[in-house]
PDB file of N, CA and C in Angstrom:
ATOM      1  N   MET A   1       5.686   3.729 -14.400  1.00  0.00           N
ATOM      2  CA  MET A   1       4.239   3.842 -14.417  1.00  0.00           C
ATOM      3  C   MET A   1       3.730   3.785 -12.979  1.00  0.00           C
ATOM      4  N   PRO A   2       2.875   4.713 -12.609  1.00  0.00           N
ATOM      5  CA  PRO A   2       2.328   4.713 -11.247  1.00  0.00           C
ATOM      6  C   PRO A   2       1.531   3.440 -10.966  1.00  0.00           C
ATOM      7  N   LYS A   3       1.581   3.023  -9.711  1.00  0.00           N
ATOM      8  CA  LYS A   3       0.812   1.860  -9.281  1.00  0.00           C
ATOM      9  C   LYS A   3      -0.087   2.267  -8.125  1.00  0.00           C
ATOM     10  N   GLN A   4      -1.120   1.474  -7.899  1.00  0.00           N
ATOM     11  CA  GLN A   4      -2.011   1.778  -6.792  1.00  0.00           C
ATOM     12  C   GLN A   4      -2.522   0.507  -6.146  1.00  0.00           C
ATOM     13  N   ILE A   5      -2.993   0.691  -4.923  1.00  0.00           N
ATOM     14  CA  ILE A   5      -3.654  -0.367  -4.169  1.00  0.00           C
ATOM     15  C   ILE A   5      -4.987   0.203  -3.710  1.00  0.00           C
ATOM     16  N   ASP A   6      -6.046  -0.539  -3.954  1.00  0.00           N
ATOM     17  CA  ASP A   6      -7.374  -0.144  -3.500  1.00  0.00           C
ATOM     18  C   ASP A   6      -7.654  -0.870  -2.192  1.00  0.00           C
ATOM     19  N   CYS A   7      -7.558  -0.145  -1.101  1.00  0.00           N
ATOM     20  CA  CYS A   7      -7.745  -0.737   0.224  1.00  0.00           C
ATOM     21  C   CYS A   7      -9.220  -1.060   0.439  1.00  0.00           C
ATOM     22  N   PRO A   8      -9.511  -2.163   1.108  1.00  0.00           N
ATOM     23  CA  PRO A   8     -10.907  -2.503   1.410  1.00  0.00           C
ATOM     24  C   PRO A   8     -11.640  -1.419   2.210  1.00  0.00           C
ATOM     25  N   CYS A   9     -10.903  -0.527   2.879  1.00  0.00           N
ATOM     26  CA  CYS A   9     -11.550   0.543   3.647  1.00  0.00           C
ATOM     27  C   CYS A   9     -12.093   1.646   2.747  1.00  0.00           C
ATOM     28  N   GLY A  10     -11.760   1.576   1.457  1.00  0.00           N
ATOM     29  CA  GLY A  10     -12.265   2.571   0.514  1.00  0.00           C
ATOM     30  C   GLY A  10     -11.228   3.561   0.028  1.00  0.00           C
ATOM     31  N   GLU A  11     -10.080   3.613   0.660  1.00  0.00           N
ATOM     32  CA  GLU A  11      -9.027   4.530   0.228  1.00  0.00           C
ATOM     33  C   GLU A  11      -8.154   3.881  -0.833  1.00  0.00           C
ATOM     34  N   THR A  12      -7.596   4.716  -1.704  1.00  0.00           N
ATOM     35  CA  THR A  12      -6.659   4.266  -2.723  1.00  0.00           C
ATOM     36  C   THR A  12      -5.290   4.827  -2.381  1.00  0.00           C
ATOM     37  N   VAL A  13      -4.306   3.955  -2.372  1.00  0.00           N
ATOM     38  CA  VAL A  13      -2.928   4.343  -2.080  1.00  0.00           C
ATOM     39  C   VAL A  13      -2.154   4.267  -3.387  1.00  0.00           C
ATOM     40  N   THR A  14      -1.404   5.325  -3.722  1.00  0.00           N
ATOM     41  CA  THR A  14      -0.665   5.348  -4.985  1.00  0.00           C
ATOM     42  C   THR A  14       0.814   5.650  -4.754  1.00  0.00           C
ATOM     43  N   GLY A  15       1.611   5.294  -5.756  1.00  0.00           N
ATOM     44  CA  GLY A  15       3.030   5.598  -5.741  1.00  0.00           C
ATOM     45  C   GLY A  15       3.582   5.578  -7.146  1.00  0.00           C
ATOM     46  N   GLU A  16       4.527   6.444  -7.409  1.00  0.00           N
ATOM     47  CA  GLU A  16       5.160   6.509  -8.728  1.00  0.00           C
ATOM     48  C   GLU A  16       6.133   5.361  -8.939  1.00  0.00           C
ATOM     49  N   THR A  17       6.715   4.874  -7.846  1.00  0.00           N
ATOM     50  CA  THR A  17       7.659   3.762  -7.905  1.00  0.00           C
ATOM     51  C   THR A  17       7.223   2.698  -6.899  1.00  0.00           C
ATOM     52  N   ASP A  18       7.817   1.525  -6.995  1.00  0.00           N
ATOM     53  CA  ASP A  18       7.517   0.478  -6.016  1.00  0.00           C
ATOM     54  C   ASP A  18       7.842   0.960  -4.607  1.00  0.00           C
ATOM     55  N   ASP A  19       8.987   1.624  -4.447  1.00  0.00           N
ATOM     56  CA  ASP A  19       9.381   2.105  -3.119  1.00  0.00           C
ATOM     57  C   ASP A  19       8.381   3.101  -2.564  1.00  0.00           C
ATOM     58  N   GLU A  20       7.900   4.028  -3.410  1.00  0.00           N
ATOM     59  CA  GLU A  20       6.909   5.006  -2.967  1.00  0.00           C
ATOM     60  C   GLU A  20       5.596   4.327  -2.586  1.00  0.00           C
ATOM     61  N   LEU A  21       5.190   3.347  -3.370  1.00  0.00           N
ATOM     62  CA  LEU A  21       3.942   2.647  -3.089  1.00  0.00           C
ATOM     63  C   LEU A  21       4.038   1.876  -1.774  1.00  0.00           C
ATOM     64  N   VAL A  22       5.128   1.181  -1.557  1.00  0.00           N
ATOM     65  CA  VAL A  22       5.302   0.432  -0.316  1.00  0.00           C
ATOM     66  C   VAL A  22       5.310   1.391   0.872  1.00  0.00           C
ATOM     67  N   SER A  23       6.025   2.488   0.749  1.00  0.00           N
ATOM     68  CA  SER A  23       6.093   3.473   1.819  1.00  0.00           C
ATOM     69  C   SER A  23       4.723   4.072   2.121  1.00  0.00           C
ATOM     70  N   ALA A  24       3.995   4.445   1.070  1.00  0.00           N
ATOM     71  CA  ALA A  24       2.660   5.029   1.252  1.00  0.00           C
ATOM     72  C   ALA A  24       1.693   4.005   1.849  1.00  0.00           C
ATOM     73  N   THR A  25       1.829   2.759   1.452  1.00  0.00           N
ATOM     74  CA  THR A  25       0.950   1.710   1.981  1.00  0.00           C
ATOM     75  C   THR A  25       1.251   1.462   3.451  1.00  0.00           C
ATOM     76  N   GLU A  26       2.518   1.423   3.805  1.00  0.00           N
ATOM     77  CA  GLU A  26       2.879   1.237   5.212  1.00  0.00           C
ATOM     78  C   GLU A  26       2.378   2.406   6.057  1.00  0.00           C
ATOM     79  N   ALA A  27       2.448   3.624   5.519  1.00  0.00           N
ATOM     80  CA  ALA A  27       1.935   4.793   6.238  1.00  0.00           C
ATOM     81  C   ALA A  27       0.415   4.697   6.396  1.00  0.00           C
ATOM     82  N   HIS A  28      -0.269   4.284   5.348  1.00  0.00           N
ATOM     83  CA  HIS A  28      -1.728   4.112   5.406  1.00  0.00           C
ATOM     84  C   HIS A  28      -2.103   3.080   6.467  1.00  0.00           C
ATOM     85  N   ILE A  29      -1.393   1.959   6.468  1.00  0.00           N
ATOM     86  CA  ILE A  29      -1.667   0.918   7.459  1.00  0.00           C
ATOM     87  C   ILE A  29      -1.456   1.475   8.874  1.00  0.00           C
ATOM     88  N   SER A  30      -0.382   2.212   9.083  1.00  0.00           N
ATOM     89  CA  SER A  30      -0.103   2.788  10.405  1.00  0.00           C
ATOM     90  C   SER A  30      -1.198   3.734  10.866  1.00  0.00           C
ATOM     91  N   GLU A  31      -1.683   4.546   9.935  1.00  0.00           N
ATOM     92  CA  GLU A  31      -2.682   5.562  10.280  1.00  0.00           C
ATOM     93  C   GLU A  31      -4.094   4.998  10.413  1.00  0.00           C
ATOM     94  N   ARG A  32      -4.470   4.119   9.498  1.00  0.00           N
ATOM     95  CA  ARG A  32      -5.865   3.660   9.433  1.00  0.00           C
ATOM     96  C   ARG A  32      -6.094   2.254   9.980  1.00  0.00           C
ATOM     97  N   HIS A  33      -5.045   1.439   9.998  1.00  0.00           N
ATOM     98  CA  HIS A  33      -5.186   0.035  10.403  1.00  0.00           C
ATOM     99  C   HIS A  33      -4.030  -0.369  11.327  1.00  0.00           C
ATOM    100  N   PRO A  34      -3.873   0.306  12.463  1.00  0.00           N
ATOM    101  CA  PRO A  34      -2.707   0.049  13.321  1.00  0.00           C
ATOM    102  C   PRO A  34      -2.585  -1.405  13.780  1.00  0.00           C
ATOM    103  N   GLU A  35      -3.695  -2.119  13.816  1.00  0.00           N
ATOM    104  CA  GLU A  35      -3.643  -3.527  14.218  1.00  0.00           C
ATOM    105  C   GLU A  35      -2.925  -4.390  13.179  1.00  0.00           C
ATOM    106  N   MET A  36      -2.713  -3.847  11.976  1.00  0.00           N
ATOM    107  CA  MET A  36      -2.076  -4.603  10.898  1.00  0.00           C
ATOM    108  C   MET A  36      -0.601  -4.243  10.703  1.00  0.00           C
ATOM    109  N   VAL A  37      -0.080  -3.315  11.498  1.00  0.00           N
ATOM    110  CA  VAL A  37       1.320  -2.899  11.346  1.00  0.00           C
ATOM    111  C   VAL A  37       2.226  -4.119  11.456  1.00  0.00           C
ATOM    112  N   GLY A  38       3.105  -4.269  10.473  1.00  0.00           N
ATOM    113  CA  GLY A  38       4.069  -5.358  10.473  1.00  0.00           C
ATOM    114  C   GLY A  38       3.555  -6.679   9.922  1.00  0.00           C
ATOM    115  N   THR A  39       2.316  -6.688   9.423  1.00  0.00           N
ATOM    116  CA  THR A  39       1.760  -7.955   8.938  1.00  0.00           C
ATOM    117  C   THR A  39       1.913  -8.154   7.435  1.00  0.00           C
ATOM    118  N   LYS A  40       2.288  -7.109   6.698  1.00  0.00           N
ATOM    119  CA  LYS A  40       2.424  -7.207   5.237  1.00  0.00           C
ATOM    120  C   LYS A  40       3.873  -6.966   4.835  1.00  0.00           C
ATOM    121  N   SER A  41       4.437  -7.918   4.104  1.00  0.00           N
ATOM    122  CA  SER A  41       5.801  -7.750   3.602  1.00  0.00           C
ATOM    123  C   SER A  41       5.775  -6.874   2.350  1.00  0.00           C
ATOM    124  N   ARG A  42       6.940  -6.424   1.948  1.00  0.00           N
ATOM    125  CA  ARG A  42       7.056  -5.648   0.707  1.00  0.00           C
ATOM    126  C   ARG A  42       6.477  -6.435  -0.462  1.00  0.00           C
ATOM    127  N   GLU A  43       6.794  -7.720  -0.526  1.00  0.00           N
ATOM    128  CA  GLU A  43       6.308  -8.557  -1.621  1.00  0.00           C
ATOM    129  C   GLU A  43       4.784  -8.676  -1.614  1.00  0.00           C
ATOM    130  N   GLU A  44       4.198  -8.797  -0.430  1.00  0.00           N
ATOM    131  CA  GLU A  44       2.732  -8.890  -0.319  1.00  0.00           C
ATOM    132  C   GLU A  44       2.071  -7.573  -0.755  1.00  0.00           C
ATOM    133  N   ILE A  45       2.672  -6.463  -0.360  1.00  0.00           N
ATOM    134  CA  ILE A  45       2.133  -5.155  -0.751  1.00  0.00           C
ATOM    135  C   ILE A  45       2.185  -5.015  -2.272  1.00  0.00           C
ATOM    136  N   LEU A  46       3.318  -5.335  -2.866  1.00  0.00           N
ATOM    137  CA  LEU A  46       3.453  -5.195  -4.318  1.00  0.00           C
ATOM    138  C   LEU A  46       2.543  -6.166  -5.069  1.00  0.00           C
ATOM    139  N   ALA A  47       2.258  -7.319  -4.484  1.00  0.00           N
ATOM    140  CA  ALA A  47       1.349  -8.282  -5.116  1.00  0.00           C
ATOM    141  C   ALA A  47      -0.082  -7.759  -5.183  1.00  0.00           C
ATOM    142  N   MET A  48      -0.437  -6.844  -4.300  1.00  0.00           N
ATOM    143  CA  MET A  48      -1.782  -6.258  -4.281  1.00  0.00           C
ATOM    144  C   MET A  48      -1.921  -5.093  -5.262  1.00  0.00           C
ATOM    145  N   ALA A  49      -0.805  -4.619  -5.787  1.00  0.00           N
ATOM    146  CA  ALA A  49      -0.794  -3.409  -6.612  1.00  0.00           C
ATOM    147  C   ALA A  49      -1.215  -3.689  -8.058  1.00  0.00           C
ATOM    148  N   HIS A  50      -1.720  -2.638  -8.673  1.00  0.00           N
ATOM    149  CA  HIS A  50      -2.016  -2.672 -10.107  1.00  0.00           C
ATOM    150  C   HIS A  50      -1.710  -1.296 -10.679  1.00  0.00           C
ATOM    151  N   ASP A  51      -1.619  -1.228 -12.003  1.00  0.00           N
ATOM    152  CA  ASP A  51      -1.299   0.045 -12.660  1.00  0.00           C
ATOM    153  C   ASP A  51      -2.381   1.067 -12.358  1.00  0.00           C
ATOM    154  N   ALA A  52      -1.938   2.293 -12.096  1.00  0.00           N
ATOM    155  CA  ALA A  52      -2.872   3.375 -11.787  1.00  0.00           C
ATOM    156  C   ALA A  52      -3.446   3.973 -13.052  1.00  0.00           C
TER     157      ALA A  52
END
């Protein structure tokens, strides 16, 4: 089941699998929030996710 994270900046990040979601979230952070690169672990990212 796809999962998503609703970023406070207004964008929604989605992934079909946990790995895809983590990867997409890390890419989003790199592009939109470079000051946050390396601050969220895989577990923290997945804890923010909910079913899409």
